Amino acid sequence: MDLDPNDTTKLDFCYDGDKRILVYHDVKGIVIDDFTARPLPFRPLSPPFFNYTKNIIKYALETKDNITTKLEDRNDYYHFKMVINEDKQVEFFGKAYHMPEDPFFSDPTSIYELWISKSSNLPYKARREMSHDISVTTCSDITLNHLSIAYFKAENYYPKGYEIRKYGYRNAKEKTIPPLTGKEAPEWTLTDENGKSVSLHDIKSKVVLINFTGIGCGACLSSLPFLKSLKGTFSNADFKLVAIESWARKARALDNYIHRKGINYTMLNATDKVIKDYQTGGTAPFFFILDQQRIVRKVIRGYGGKTTDHEILEAIKPLL
């Protein structure tokens, strides 16, 4: 169970062994996922820190996969590094899973690092690195929970007055193009990697391309060379590209991604409201082309390489 760090009476996320509960405070909604909407060989949720790190160590000791490991003694802690050299990336959802091949991920190598305290014999930091994403998790000020799972009921922590729906009922809708073409683009104020606020109404260029993206999204990663090339194609007065990060939504992750990928355009973190207003359902990538009056002139879902590049350019040019 995850609570809002600024208000520990607020539930943000919960998994009770049978279902996961997603809480969206912006729209006062609760989504319950019983894992029947998307049949998978694993449950796609982040395990608790110690469960996660335990399974990394267990895998390193028991696997027959092609791995290399290194353990270093560094004063008051140990540093453990494992490189997995398989033809598929390896993720840990409880136990290790070899992920389906993705044509957008050029390198399947998976790297995991752990920092283990000598004083407690417990890990306190974990780092995961893959070709499409890097993530770091830390755990400090530990308080162990001695309550039995038998007495835990997720519904006891639901915020009052929130709408409850089952995960997946909008799946068919989310595969379609949002009906925003010809309408005024919803206004938003979002924050960048430095916490600075940026609003749609502050942008003065003739054309705006809004790209809903996701850190860890293969198709989004594949679109980067084209998107970065747009800076040299159009002037600042004519064109502005804004990417809205819909998945990670953390300033540190955004800053890391911008610097690692050499992003030369504005990236902002999404809110539940902007995702709802643009009707993307959290899916990425989406491209919205806006004219000078901020009317949505074209919506493109997904990325298909040069075909999508051409489609975006052909939508922009008549608006300049």
C-alpha atoms as a PDB file:
ATOM      1  CA  MET A   1       0.000   0.000   0.000  1.00  0.00           C
ATOM      2  CA  ASP A   2       1.297   3.489  -0.939  1.00  0.00           C
ATOM      3  CA  LEU A   3       0.110   6.610   0.843  1.00  0.00           C
ATOM      4  CA  ASP A   4       0.434  10.214  -0.285  1.00  0.00           C
ATOM      5  CA  PRO A   5       3.729  11.432   1.317  1.00  0.00           C
ATOM      6  CA  ASN A   6       2.156  14.839   1.937  1.00  0.00           C
ATOM      7  CA  ASP A   7      -1.034  13.408   3.462  1.00  0.00           C
ATOM      8  CA  THR A   8      -0.696   9.899   4.870  1.00  0.00           C
ATOM      9  CA  THR A   9      -4.463   9.581   5.279  1.00  0.00           C
ATOM     10  CA  LYS A  10      -4.730   9.465   1.470  1.00  0.00           C
ATOM     11  CA  LEU A  11      -4.367   6.153  -0.353  1.00  0.00           C
ATOM     12  CA  ASP A  12      -2.474   6.355  -3.674  1.00  0.00           C
ATOM     13  CA  PHE A  13      -2.064   2.682  -4.573  1.00  0.00           C
ATOM     14  CA  CYS A  14      -2.801  -0.694  -3.047  1.00  0.00           C
ATOM     15  CA  TYR A  15      -2.343  -4.400  -3.853  1.00  0.00           C
ATOM     16  CA  ASP A  16      -3.956  -6.926  -1.535  1.00  0.00           C
ATOM     17  CA  GLY A  17      -2.832 -10.131  -3.247  1.00  0.00           C
ATOM     18  CA  ASP A  18      -5.983 -10.413  -5.358  1.00  0.00           C
ATOM     19  CA  LYS A  19      -6.417  -7.010  -6.950  1.00  0.00           C
ATOM     20  CA  ARG A  20      -4.641  -3.684  -7.337  1.00  0.00           C
ATOM     21  CA  ILE A  21      -6.340  -0.397  -6.523  1.00  0.00           C
ATOM     22  CA  LEU A  22      -5.416   2.786  -8.397  1.00  0.00           C
ATOM     23  CA  VAL A  23      -6.557   6.080  -6.857  1.00  0.00           C
ATOM     24  CA  TYR A  24      -6.891   9.273  -8.928  1.00  0.00           C
ATOM     25  CA  HIS A  25      -7.401  12.170  -6.534  1.00  0.00           C
ATOM     26  CA  ASP A  26      -7.656  14.786  -9.323  1.00  0.00           C
ATOM     27  CA  VAL A  27     -10.911  13.266 -10.552  1.00  0.00           C
ATOM     28  CA  LYS A  28     -11.957  11.514  -7.313  1.00  0.00           C
ATOM     29  CA  GLY A  29     -11.892   8.083  -8.869  1.00  0.00           C
ATOM     30  CA  ILE A  30     -10.849   4.563  -7.832  1.00  0.00           C
ATOM     31  CA  VAL A  31      -9.987   1.916 -10.430  1.00  0.00           C
ATOM     32  CA  ILE A  32      -9.955  -1.736  -9.355  1.00  0.00           C
ATOM     33  CA  ASP A  33      -7.875  -4.135 -11.459  1.00  0.00           C
ATOM     34  CA  ASP A  34      -8.570  -7.835 -10.827  1.00  0.00           C
ATOM     35  CA  PHE A  35      -6.114  -8.811 -13.615  1.00  0.00           C
ATOM     36  CA  THR A  36      -8.795 -10.220 -15.917  1.00  0.00           C
ATOM     37  CA  ALA A  37      -8.793  -7.343 -18.436  1.00  0.00           C
ATOM     38  CA  ARG A  38      -5.263  -8.133 -19.678  1.00  0.00           C
ATOM     39  CA  PRO A  39      -4.304 -11.818 -19.319  1.00  0.00           C
ATOM     40  CA  LEU A  40      -0.541 -11.877 -18.695  1.00  0.00           C
ATOM     41  CA  PRO A  41       1.897 -14.426 -17.230  1.00  0.00           C
ATOM     42  CA  PHE A  42       2.662 -11.912 -14.459  1.00  0.00           C
ATOM     43  CA  ARG A  43       0.948  -9.130 -12.570  1.00  0.00           C
ATOM     44  CA  PRO A  44       2.342  -5.789 -13.825  1.00  0.00           C
ATOM     45  CA  LEU A  45       2.922  -3.949 -10.553  1.00  0.00           C
ATOM     46  CA  SER A  46       5.988  -2.877  -8.646  1.00  0.00           C
ATOM     47  CA  PRO A  47       6.627  -5.207  -5.685  1.00  0.00           C
ATOM     48  CA  PRO A  48       7.631  -3.873  -2.251  1.00  0.00           C
ATOM     49  CA  PHE A  49      11.290  -2.848  -2.083  1.00  0.00           C
ATOM     50  CA  PHE A  50      12.587  -5.789  -0.043  1.00  0.00           C
ATOM     51  CA  ASN A  51      10.576  -8.324  -2.041  1.00  0.00           C
ATOM     52  CA  TYR A  52      12.014  -6.791  -5.212  1.00  0.00           C
ATOM     53  CA  THR A  53      15.636  -6.837  -4.050  1.00  0.00           C
ATOM     54  CA  LYS A  54      15.300 -10.327  -2.531  1.00  0.00           C
ATOM     55  CA  ASN A  55      14.193 -11.725  -5.871  1.00  0.00           C
ATOM     56  CA  ILE A  56      17.076 -10.045  -7.693  1.00  0.00           C
ATOM     57  CA  ILE A  57      19.546 -11.742  -5.331  1.00  0.00           C
ATOM     58  CA  LYS A  58      17.694 -15.070  -5.536  1.00  0.00           C
ATOM     59  CA  TYR A  59      17.780 -14.933  -9.328  1.00  0.00           C
ATOM     60  CA  ALA A  60      21.521 -14.150  -9.325  1.00  0.00           C
ATOM     61  CA  LEU A  61      22.198 -17.199  -7.126  1.00  0.00           C
ATOM     62  CA  GLU A  62      19.940 -19.675  -8.893  1.00  0.00           C
ATOM     63  CA  THR A  63      19.554 -18.721 -12.556  1.00  0.00           C
ATOM     64  CA  LYS A  64      21.075 -20.569 -15.477  1.00  0.00           C
ATOM     65  CA  ASP A  65      20.831 -17.450 -17.641  1.00  0.00           C
ATOM     66  CA  ASN A  66      23.945 -15.800 -19.040  1.00  0.00           C
ATOM     67  CA  ILE A  67      24.863 -13.302 -16.326  1.00  0.00           C
ATOM     68  CA  THR A  68      27.956 -11.621 -14.890  1.00  0.00           C
ATOM     69  CA  THR A  69      28.061 -10.421 -11.282  1.00  0.00           C
ATOM     70  CA  LYS A  70      30.379  -8.300  -9.192  1.00  0.00           C
ATOM     71  CA  LEU A  71      30.347  -7.690  -5.425  1.00  0.00           C
ATOM     72  CA  GLU A  72      32.486  -4.885  -3.996  1.00  0.00           C
ATOM     73  CA  ASP A  73      33.220  -4.094  -0.340  1.00  0.00           C
ATOM     74  CA  ARG A  74      32.956  -0.321   0.118  1.00  0.00           C
ATOM     75  CA  ASN A  75      33.534   0.647   3.744  1.00  0.00           C
ATOM     76  CA  ASP A  76      30.083   0.567   5.379  1.00  0.00           C
ATOM     77  CA  TYR A  77      28.184  -1.067   2.507  1.00  0.00           C
ATOM     78  CA  TYR A  78      28.427  -3.647  -0.255  1.00  0.00           C
ATOM     79  CA  HIS A  79      27.807  -2.805  -3.897  1.00  0.00           C
ATOM     80  CA  PHE A  80      26.368  -5.614  -6.032  1.00  0.00           C
ATOM     81  CA  LYS A  81      26.079  -5.398  -9.826  1.00  0.00           C
ATOM     82  CA  MET A  82      24.530  -7.953 -12.176  1.00  0.00           C
ATOM     83  CA  VAL A  83      24.512  -7.766 -15.988  1.00  0.00           C
ATOM     84  CA  ILE A  84      22.033 -10.105 -17.712  1.00  0.00           C
ATOM     85  CA  ASN A  85      23.128 -10.973 -21.240  1.00  0.00           C
ATOM     86  CA  GLU A  86      20.017 -12.666 -22.611  1.00  0.00           C
ATOM     87  CA  ASP A  87      18.164 -12.119 -25.898  1.00  0.00           C
ATOM     88  CA  LYS A  88      15.206 -10.711 -23.941  1.00  0.00           C
ATOM     89  CA  GLN A  89      15.080  -8.107 -21.195  1.00  0.00           C
ATOM     90  CA  VAL A  90      14.515  -9.467 -17.685  1.00  0.00           C
ATOM     91  CA  GLU A  91      12.098  -7.740 -15.304  1.00  0.00           C
ATOM     92  CA  PHE A  92      11.163  -8.674 -11.731  1.00  0.00           C
ATOM     93  CA  PHE A  93       7.440  -8.927 -10.982  1.00  0.00           C
ATOM     94  CA  GLY A  94       7.995 -11.103  -7.951  1.00  0.00           C
ATOM     95  CA  LYS A  95      10.153 -13.683  -9.752  1.00  0.00           C
ATOM     96  CA  ALA A  96      12.130 -12.905 -12.897  1.00  0.00           C
ATOM     97  CA  TYR A  97      10.328 -12.742 -16.259  1.00  0.00           C
ATOM     98  CA  HIS A  98      11.854 -12.689 -19.733  1.00  0.00           C
ATOM     99  CA  MET A  99       9.878  -9.954 -21.440  1.00  0.00           C
ATOM    100  CA  PRO A 100       8.451 -10.274 -24.980  1.00  0.00           C
ATOM    101  CA  GLU A 101      10.772  -8.934 -27.657  1.00  0.00           C
ATOM    102  CA  ASP A 102      10.076  -5.331 -28.651  1.00  0.00           C
ATOM    103  CA  PRO A 103      11.323  -4.033 -32.037  1.00  0.00           C
ATOM    104  CA  PHE A 104      11.833  -0.575 -30.542  1.00  0.00           C
ATOM    105  CA  PHE A 105      14.363  -1.778 -27.931  1.00  0.00           C
ATOM    106  CA  SER A 106      17.697  -2.201 -29.690  1.00  0.00           C
ATOM    107  CA  ASP A 107      19.612  -3.789 -26.799  1.00  0.00           C
ATOM    108  CA  PRO A 108      18.079  -6.502 -24.573  1.00  0.00           C
ATOM    109  CA  THR A 109      20.805  -6.235 -21.888  1.00  0.00           C
ATOM    110  CA  SER A 110      19.447  -5.806 -18.351  1.00  0.00           C
ATOM    111  CA  ILE A 111      21.572  -4.347 -15.539  1.00  0.00           C
ATOM    112  CA  TYR A 112      20.685  -4.434 -11.845  1.00  0.00           C
ATOM    113  CA  GLU A 113      22.639  -2.889  -8.953  1.00  0.00           C
ATOM    114  CA  LEU A 114      22.070  -3.103  -5.196  1.00  0.00           C
ATOM    115  CA  TRP A 115      23.575  -1.189  -2.283  1.00  0.00           C
ATOM    116  CA  ILE A 116      23.530  -3.244   0.942  1.00  0.00           C
ATOM    117  CA  SER A 117      24.183  -1.768   4.390  1.00  0.00           C
ATOM    118  CA  LYS A 118      26.667  -3.634   6.590  1.00  0.00           C
ATOM    119  CA  SER A 119      25.022  -2.398   9.771  1.00  0.00           C
ATOM    120  CA  SER A 120      21.568  -3.811   8.960  1.00  0.00           C
ATOM    121  CA  ASN A 121      22.452  -6.397   6.288  1.00  0.00           C
ATOM    122  CA  LEU A 122      19.575  -4.930   4.268  1.00  0.00           C
ATOM    123  CA  PRO A 123      19.613  -3.301   0.829  1.00  0.00           C
ATOM    124  CA  TYR A 124      18.779   0.400   0.832  1.00  0.00           C
ATOM    125  CA  LYS A 125      19.119   1.308  -2.850  1.00  0.00           C
ATOM    126  CA  ALA A 126      18.381  -0.466  -6.141  1.00  0.00           C
ATOM    127  CA  ARG A 127      19.138   0.615  -9.694  1.00  0.00           C
ATOM    128  CA  ARG A 128      17.699  -0.906 -12.895  1.00  0.00           C
ATOM    129  CA  GLU A 129      19.118  -0.020 -16.321  1.00  0.00           C
ATOM    130  CA  MET A 130      17.819  -1.029 -19.752  1.00  0.00           C
ATOM    131  CA  SER A 131      18.154   0.449 -23.229  1.00  0.00           C
ATOM    132  CA  HIS A 132      14.841   2.296 -22.912  1.00  0.00           C
ATOM    133  CA  ASP A 133      14.793   3.283 -19.243  1.00  0.00           C
ATOM    134  CA  ILE A 134      16.781   3.755 -16.034  1.00  0.00           C
ATOM    135  CA  SER A 135      15.144   3.723 -12.608  1.00  0.00           C
ATOM    136  CA  VAL A 136      16.516   4.126  -9.083  1.00  0.00           C
ATOM    137  CA  THR A 137      14.666   3.257  -5.859  1.00  0.00           C
ATOM    138  CA  THR A 138      15.803   3.974  -2.312  1.00  0.00           C
ATOM    139  CA  CYS A 139      14.426   2.781   1.027  1.00  0.00           C
ATOM    140  CA  SER A 140      15.211   4.519   4.330  1.00  0.00           C
ATOM    141  CA  ASP A 141      13.758   5.075   7.814  1.00  0.00           C
ATOM    142  CA  ILE A 142      12.374   1.542   7.845  1.00  0.00           C
ATOM    143  CA  THR A 143       9.471   0.602  10.101  1.00  0.00           C
ATOM    144  CA  LEU A 144       8.488  -3.057   9.901  1.00  0.00           C
ATOM    145  CA  ASN A 145       4.777  -3.914   9.723  1.00  0.00           C
ATOM    146  CA  HIS A 146       3.849  -6.780  12.038  1.00  0.00           C
ATOM    147  CA  LEU A 147       0.150  -6.869  11.134  1.00  0.00           C
ATOM    148  CA  SER A 148      -1.180 -10.078   9.622  1.00  0.00           C
ATOM    149  CA  ILE A 149      -2.434  -9.985   6.017  1.00  0.00           C
ATOM    150  CA  ALA A 150      -5.538 -11.765   7.286  1.00  0.00           C
ATOM    151  CA  TYR A 151      -6.665  -8.494   8.899  1.00  0.00           C
ATOM    152  CA  PHE A 152      -5.941  -6.306   5.879  1.00  0.00           C
ATOM    153  CA  LYS A 153      -8.867  -5.120   3.735  1.00  0.00           C
ATOM    154  CA  ALA A 154      -8.099  -2.681   0.949  1.00  0.00           C
ATOM    155  CA  GLU A 155     -11.624  -1.223   0.938  1.00  0.00           C
ATOM    156  CA  ASN A 156     -11.074   0.117   4.471  1.00  0.00           C
ATOM    157  CA  TYR A 157      -8.662   2.638   2.951  1.00  0.00           C
ATOM    158  CA  TYR A 158     -10.803   3.873   0.031  1.00  0.00           C
ATOM    159  CA  PRO A 159     -11.323   7.655   0.128  1.00  0.00           C
ATOM    160  CA  LYS A 160     -14.973   8.495   0.777  1.00  0.00           C
ATOM    161  CA  GLY A 161     -17.081   9.879  -2.056  1.00  0.00           C
ATOM    162  CA  TYR A 162     -14.843   8.553  -4.867  1.00  0.00           C
ATOM    163  CA  GLU A 163     -16.336   6.876  -7.962  1.00  0.00           C
ATOM    164  CA  ILE A 164     -15.349   3.198  -8.190  1.00  0.00           C
ATOM    165  CA  ARG A 165     -15.029   1.409 -11.540  1.00  0.00           C
ATOM    166  CA  LYS A 166     -13.442  -1.769 -12.839  1.00  0.00           C
ATOM    167  CA  TYR A 167     -10.196  -1.564 -14.788  1.00  0.00           C
ATOM    168  CA  GLY A 168     -10.523  -2.122 -18.509  1.00  0.00           C
ATOM    169  CA  TYR A 169     -14.051  -0.950 -19.280  1.00  0.00           C
ATOM    170  CA  ARG A 170     -12.657   1.891 -21.395  1.00  0.00           C
ATOM    171  CA  ASN A 171     -10.164  -0.250 -23.306  1.00  0.00           C
ATOM    172  CA  ALA A 172     -12.139  -0.254 -26.552  1.00  0.00           C
ATOM    173  CA  LYS A 173     -12.578   3.497 -26.378  1.00  0.00           C
ATOM    174  CA  GLU A 174      -8.907   4.088 -25.676  1.00  0.00           C
ATOM    175  CA  LYS A 175      -7.971   2.388 -28.950  1.00  0.00           C
ATOM    176  CA  THR A 176      -9.800   5.075 -30.923  1.00  0.00           C
ATOM    177  CA  ILE A 177      -8.804   8.646 -31.753  1.00  0.00           C
ATOM    178  CA  PRO A 178     -10.076  11.177 -29.163  1.00  0.00           C
ATOM    179  CA  PRO A 179     -12.890  13.272 -30.750  1.00  0.00           C
ATOM    180  CA  LEU A 180     -11.103  16.603 -30.298  1.00  0.00           C
ATOM    181  CA  THR A 181     -10.425  17.526 -33.941  1.00  0.00           C
ATOM    182  CA  GLY A 182     -11.971  20.915 -34.720  1.00  0.00           C
ATOM    183  CA  LYS A 183     -12.371  21.772 -31.043  1.00  0.00           C
ATOM    184  CA  GLU A 184     -10.406  24.147 -28.840  1.00  0.00           C
ATOM    185  CA  ALA A 185      -7.535  22.348 -27.131  1.00  0.00           C
ATOM    186  CA  PRO A 186      -8.076  21.934 -23.378  1.00  0.00           C
ATOM    187  CA  GLU A 187      -6.000  24.386 -21.352  1.00  0.00           C
ATOM    188  CA  TRP A 188      -3.337  23.086 -18.956  1.00  0.00           C
ATOM    189  CA  THR A 189      -0.621  24.218 -16.570  1.00  0.00           C
ATOM    190  CA  LEU A 190       2.077  21.584 -15.962  1.00  0.00           C
ATOM    191  CA  THR A 191       5.559  21.467 -14.457  1.00  0.00           C
ATOM    192  CA  ASP A 192       8.917  20.733 -16.089  1.00  0.00           C
ATOM    193  CA  GLU A 193      11.906  18.840 -14.675  1.00  0.00           C
ATOM    194  CA  ASN A 194      12.842  21.852 -12.517  1.00  0.00           C
ATOM    195  CA  GLY A 195       9.370  22.310 -11.081  1.00  0.00           C
ATOM    196  CA  LYS A 196       8.687  25.387 -13.252  1.00  0.00           C
ATOM    197  CA  SER A 197       5.081  25.836 -14.387  1.00  0.00           C
ATOM    198  CA  VAL A 198       4.295  26.051 -18.099  1.00  0.00           C
ATOM    199  CA  SER A 199       0.813  26.808 -19.472  1.00  0.00           C
ATOM    200  CA  LEU A 200      -0.595  26.268 -22.945  1.00  0.00           C
ATOM    201  CA  HIS A 201      -1.826  29.885 -23.098  1.00  0.00           C
ATOM    202  CA  ASP A 202       1.774  31.128 -22.519  1.00  0.00           C
ATOM    203  CA  ILE A 203       2.963  29.558 -25.794  1.00  0.00           C
ATOM    204  CA  LYS A 204       2.976  32.156 -28.603  1.00  0.00           C
ATOM    205  CA  SER A 205       4.061  30.143 -31.658  1.00  0.00           C
ATOM    206  CA  LYS A 206       1.734  29.727 -34.647  1.00  0.00           C
ATOM    207  CA  VAL A 207       1.555  25.946 -34.348  1.00  0.00           C
ATOM    208  CA  VAL A 208       1.875  23.711 -31.296  1.00  0.00           C
ATOM    209  CA  LEU A 209       2.536  19.977 -31.412  1.00  0.00           C
ATOM    210  CA  ILE A 210       1.604  18.257 -28.148  1.00  0.00           C
ATOM    211  CA  ASN A 211       3.138  14.796 -27.792  1.00  0.00           C
ATOM    212  CA  PHE A 212       1.775  12.587 -25.014  1.00  0.00           C
ATOM    213  CA  THR A 213       4.687  10.262 -24.327  1.00  0.00           C
ATOM    214  CA  GLY A 214       5.843   7.688 -21.784  1.00  0.00           C
ATOM    215  CA  ILE A 215       9.284   6.994 -20.346  1.00  0.00           C
ATOM    216  CA  GLY A 216       9.791   3.324 -21.126  1.00  0.00           C
ATOM    217  CA  CYS A 217       7.542   3.397 -24.208  1.00  0.00           C
ATOM    218  CA  GLY A 218       9.340   1.794 -27.162  1.00  0.00           C
ATOM    219  CA  ALA A 219       7.397   3.622 -29.872  1.00  0.00           C
ATOM    220  CA  CYS A 220       7.987   6.934 -28.064  1.00  0.00           C
ATOM    221  CA  LEU A 221      11.715   6.228 -27.954  1.00  0.00           C
ATOM    222  CA  SER A 222      11.698   5.445 -31.670  1.00  0.00           C
ATOM    223  CA  SER A 223      10.087   8.826 -32.432  1.00  0.00           C
ATOM    224  CA  LEU A 224      12.819  10.870 -30.705  1.00  0.00           C
ATOM    225  CA  PRO A 225      15.152  11.418 -33.709  1.00  0.00           C
ATOM    226  CA  PHE A 226      12.295  12.873 -35.761  1.00  0.00           C
ATOM    227  CA  LEU A 227      10.959  15.018 -32.919  1.00  0.00           C
ATOM    228  CA  LYS A 228      14.408  16.417 -32.153  1.00  0.00           C
ATOM    229  CA  SER A 229      14.891  17.247 -35.848  1.00  0.00           C
ATOM    230  CA  LEU A 230      11.854  19.553 -35.804  1.00  0.00           C
ATOM    231  CA  LYS A 231      13.824  22.242 -33.953  1.00  0.00           C
ATOM    232  CA  GLY A 232      15.932  22.815 -37.075  1.00  0.00           C
ATOM    233  CA  THR A 233      12.957  22.494 -39.419  1.00  0.00           C
ATOM    234  CA  PHE A 234      10.800  25.337 -38.061  1.00  0.00           C
ATOM    235  CA  SER A 235      11.510  28.614 -36.261  1.00  0.00           C
ATOM    236  CA  ASN A 236      10.487  29.186 -32.645  1.00  0.00           C
ATOM    237  CA  ALA A 237       7.962  31.788 -33.774  1.00  0.00           C
ATOM    238  CA  ASP A 238       6.309  29.314 -36.122  1.00  0.00           C
ATOM    239  CA  PHE A 239       6.416  26.100 -34.120  1.00  0.00           C
ATOM    240  CA  LYS A 240       6.585  24.746 -30.592  1.00  0.00           C
ATOM    241  CA  LEU A 241       6.834  21.095 -29.537  1.00  0.00           C
ATOM    242  CA  VAL A 242       5.732  20.120 -26.029  1.00  0.00           C
ATOM    243  CA  ALA A 243       5.984  16.546 -24.772  1.00  0.00           C
ATOM    244  CA  ILE A 244       3.781  15.533 -21.847  1.00  0.00           C
ATOM    245  CA  GLU A 245       5.196  12.596 -19.851  1.00  0.00           C
ATOM    246  CA  SER A 246       2.247  10.359 -18.946  1.00  0.00           C
ATOM    247  CA  TRP A 247       3.901   7.364 -17.278  1.00  0.00           C
ATOM    248  CA  ALA A 248       6.681   8.146 -14.786  1.00  0.00           C
ATOM    249  CA  ARG A 249       5.450  11.649 -13.838  1.00  0.00           C
ATOM    250  CA  LYS A 250       8.430  12.348 -11.574  1.00  0.00           C
ATOM    251  CA  ALA A 251      10.762  15.333 -11.874  1.00  0.00           C
ATOM    252  CA  ARG A 252      13.891  13.205 -11.321  1.00  0.00           C
ATOM    253  CA  ALA A 253      12.865  10.680 -13.992  1.00  0.00           C
ATOM    254  CA  LEU A 254      12.022  13.500 -16.395  1.00  0.00           C
ATOM    255  CA  ASP A 255      15.350  15.259 -15.812  1.00  0.00           C
ATOM    256  CA  ASN A 256      17.278  12.013 -16.250  1.00  0.00           C
ATOM    257  CA  TYR A 257      15.440  11.176 -19.483  1.00  0.00           C
ATOM    258  CA  ILE A 258      15.942  14.654 -20.964  1.00  0.00           C
ATOM    259  CA  HIS A 259      19.697  14.560 -20.387  1.00  0.00           C
ATOM    260  CA  ARG A 260      20.243  10.937 -21.414  1.00  0.00           C
ATOM    261  CA  LYS A 261      18.304  11.310 -24.657  1.00  0.00           C
ATOM    262  CA  GLY A 262      19.453  14.841 -25.517  1.00  0.00           C
ATOM    263  CA  ILE A 263      15.896  16.218 -25.650  1.00  0.00           C
ATOM    264  CA  ASN A 264      15.929  19.690 -27.209  1.00  0.00           C
ATOM    265  CA  TYR A 265      12.278  20.568 -26.662  1.00  0.00           C
ATOM    266  CA  THR A 266      10.010  21.160 -23.660  1.00  0.00           C
ATOM    267  CA  MET A 267       8.974  18.152 -21.582  1.00  0.00           C
ATOM    268  CA  LEU A 268       6.386  18.387 -18.826  1.00  0.00           C
ATOM    269  CA  ASN A 269       4.893  15.952 -16.343  1.00  0.00           C
ATOM    270  CA  ALA A 270       1.249  15.018 -16.882  1.00  0.00           C
ATOM    271  CA  THR A 271      -1.566  15.181 -14.366  1.00  0.00           C
ATOM    272  CA  ASP A 272      -4.615  12.934 -14.279  1.00  0.00           C
ATOM    273  CA  LYS A 273      -6.661  15.934 -15.432  1.00  0.00           C
ATOM    274  CA  VAL A 274      -4.707  16.610 -18.639  1.00  0.00           C
ATOM    275  CA  ILE A 275      -4.857  12.909 -19.543  1.00  0.00           C
ATOM    276  CA  LYS A 276      -8.615  12.967 -18.961  1.00  0.00           C
ATOM    277  CA  ASP A 277      -9.090  16.229 -20.891  1.00  0.00           C
ATOM    278  CA  TYR A 278      -7.177  14.927 -23.937  1.00  0.00           C
ATOM    279  CA  GLN A 279      -8.790  11.487 -23.604  1.00  0.00           C
ATOM    280  CA  THR A 280      -5.579   9.490 -24.113  1.00  0.00           C
ATOM    281  CA  GLY A 281      -6.269   7.074 -21.253  1.00  0.00           C
ATOM    282  CA  GLY A 282      -2.542   7.164 -20.433  1.00  0.00           C
ATOM    283  CA  THR A 283      -1.727   5.535 -23.789  1.00  0.00           C
ATOM    284  CA  ALA A 284       1.421   6.723 -25.582  1.00  0.00           C
ATOM    285  CA  PRO A 285       2.351   8.108 -27.980  1.00  0.00           C
ATOM    286  CA  PHE A 286      -0.345  10.546 -29.064  1.00  0.00           C
ATOM    287  CA  PHE A 287       0.224  13.660 -31.202  1.00  0.00           C
ATOM    288  CA  PHE A 288      -2.102  16.696 -31.186  1.00  0.00           C
ATOM    289  CA  ILE A 289      -1.459  19.452 -33.767  1.00  0.00           C
ATOM    290  CA  LEU A 290      -2.905  22.843 -32.733  1.00  0.00           C
ATOM    291  CA  ASP A 291      -3.237  25.968 -34.883  1.00  0.00           C
ATOM    292  CA  GLN A 292      -2.646  29.585 -33.776  1.00  0.00           C
ATOM    293  CA  GLN A 293      -6.133  29.804 -32.246  1.00  0.00           C
ATOM    294  CA  ARG A 294      -5.313  26.547 -30.392  1.00  0.00           C
ATOM    295  CA  ILE A 295      -7.900  24.566 -32.299  1.00  0.00           C
ATOM    296  CA  VAL A 296      -6.978  20.886 -32.616  1.00  0.00           C
ATOM    297  CA  ARG A 297      -6.434  20.303 -36.339  1.00  0.00           C
ATOM    298  CA  LYS A 298      -5.200  16.724 -36.264  1.00  0.00           C
ATOM    299  CA  VAL A 299      -4.822  13.858 -33.783  1.00  0.00           C
ATOM    300  CA  ILE A 300      -2.436  10.962 -34.437  1.00  0.00           C
ATOM    301  CA  ARG A 301      -2.321   7.834 -32.285  1.00  0.00           C
ATOM    302  CA  GLY A 302       0.849   5.718 -32.185  1.00  0.00           C
ATOM    303  CA  TYR A 303       4.079   6.040 -34.134  1.00  0.00           C
ATOM    304  CA  GLY A 304       4.849   4.271 -37.410  1.00  0.00           C
ATOM    305  CA  GLY A 305       8.253   5.656 -38.347  1.00  0.00           C
ATOM    306  CA  LYS A 306       8.552   7.713 -41.563  1.00  0.00           C
ATOM    307  CA  THR A 307       4.840   7.346 -42.282  1.00  0.00           C
ATOM    308  CA  THR A 308       3.975   9.179 -39.059  1.00  0.00           C
ATOM    309  CA  ASP A 309       6.811  11.688 -39.618  1.00  0.00           C
ATOM    310  CA  HIS A 310       5.302  12.599 -43.001  1.00  0.00           C
ATOM    311  CA  GLU A 311       1.780  12.772 -41.549  1.00  0.00           C
ATOM    312  CA  ILE A 312       2.879  15.202 -38.831  1.00  0.00           C
ATOM    313  CA  LEU A 313       4.801  17.441 -41.241  1.00  0.00           C
ATOM    314  CA  GLU A 314       1.900  17.536 -43.690  1.00  0.00           C
ATOM    315  CA  ALA A 315      -0.419  18.608 -40.862  1.00  0.00           C
ATOM    316  CA  ILE A 316       1.924  21.382 -39.658  1.00  0.00           C
ATOM    317  CA  LYS A 317       2.909  23.071 -42.942  1.00  0.00           C
ATOM    318  CA  PRO A 318      -0.547  24.356 -44.013  1.00  0.00           C
ATOM    319  CA  LEU A 319      -1.006  26.018 -40.616  1.00  0.00           C
ATOM    320  CA  LEU A 320       2.103  28.243 -40.839  1.00  0.00           C
END
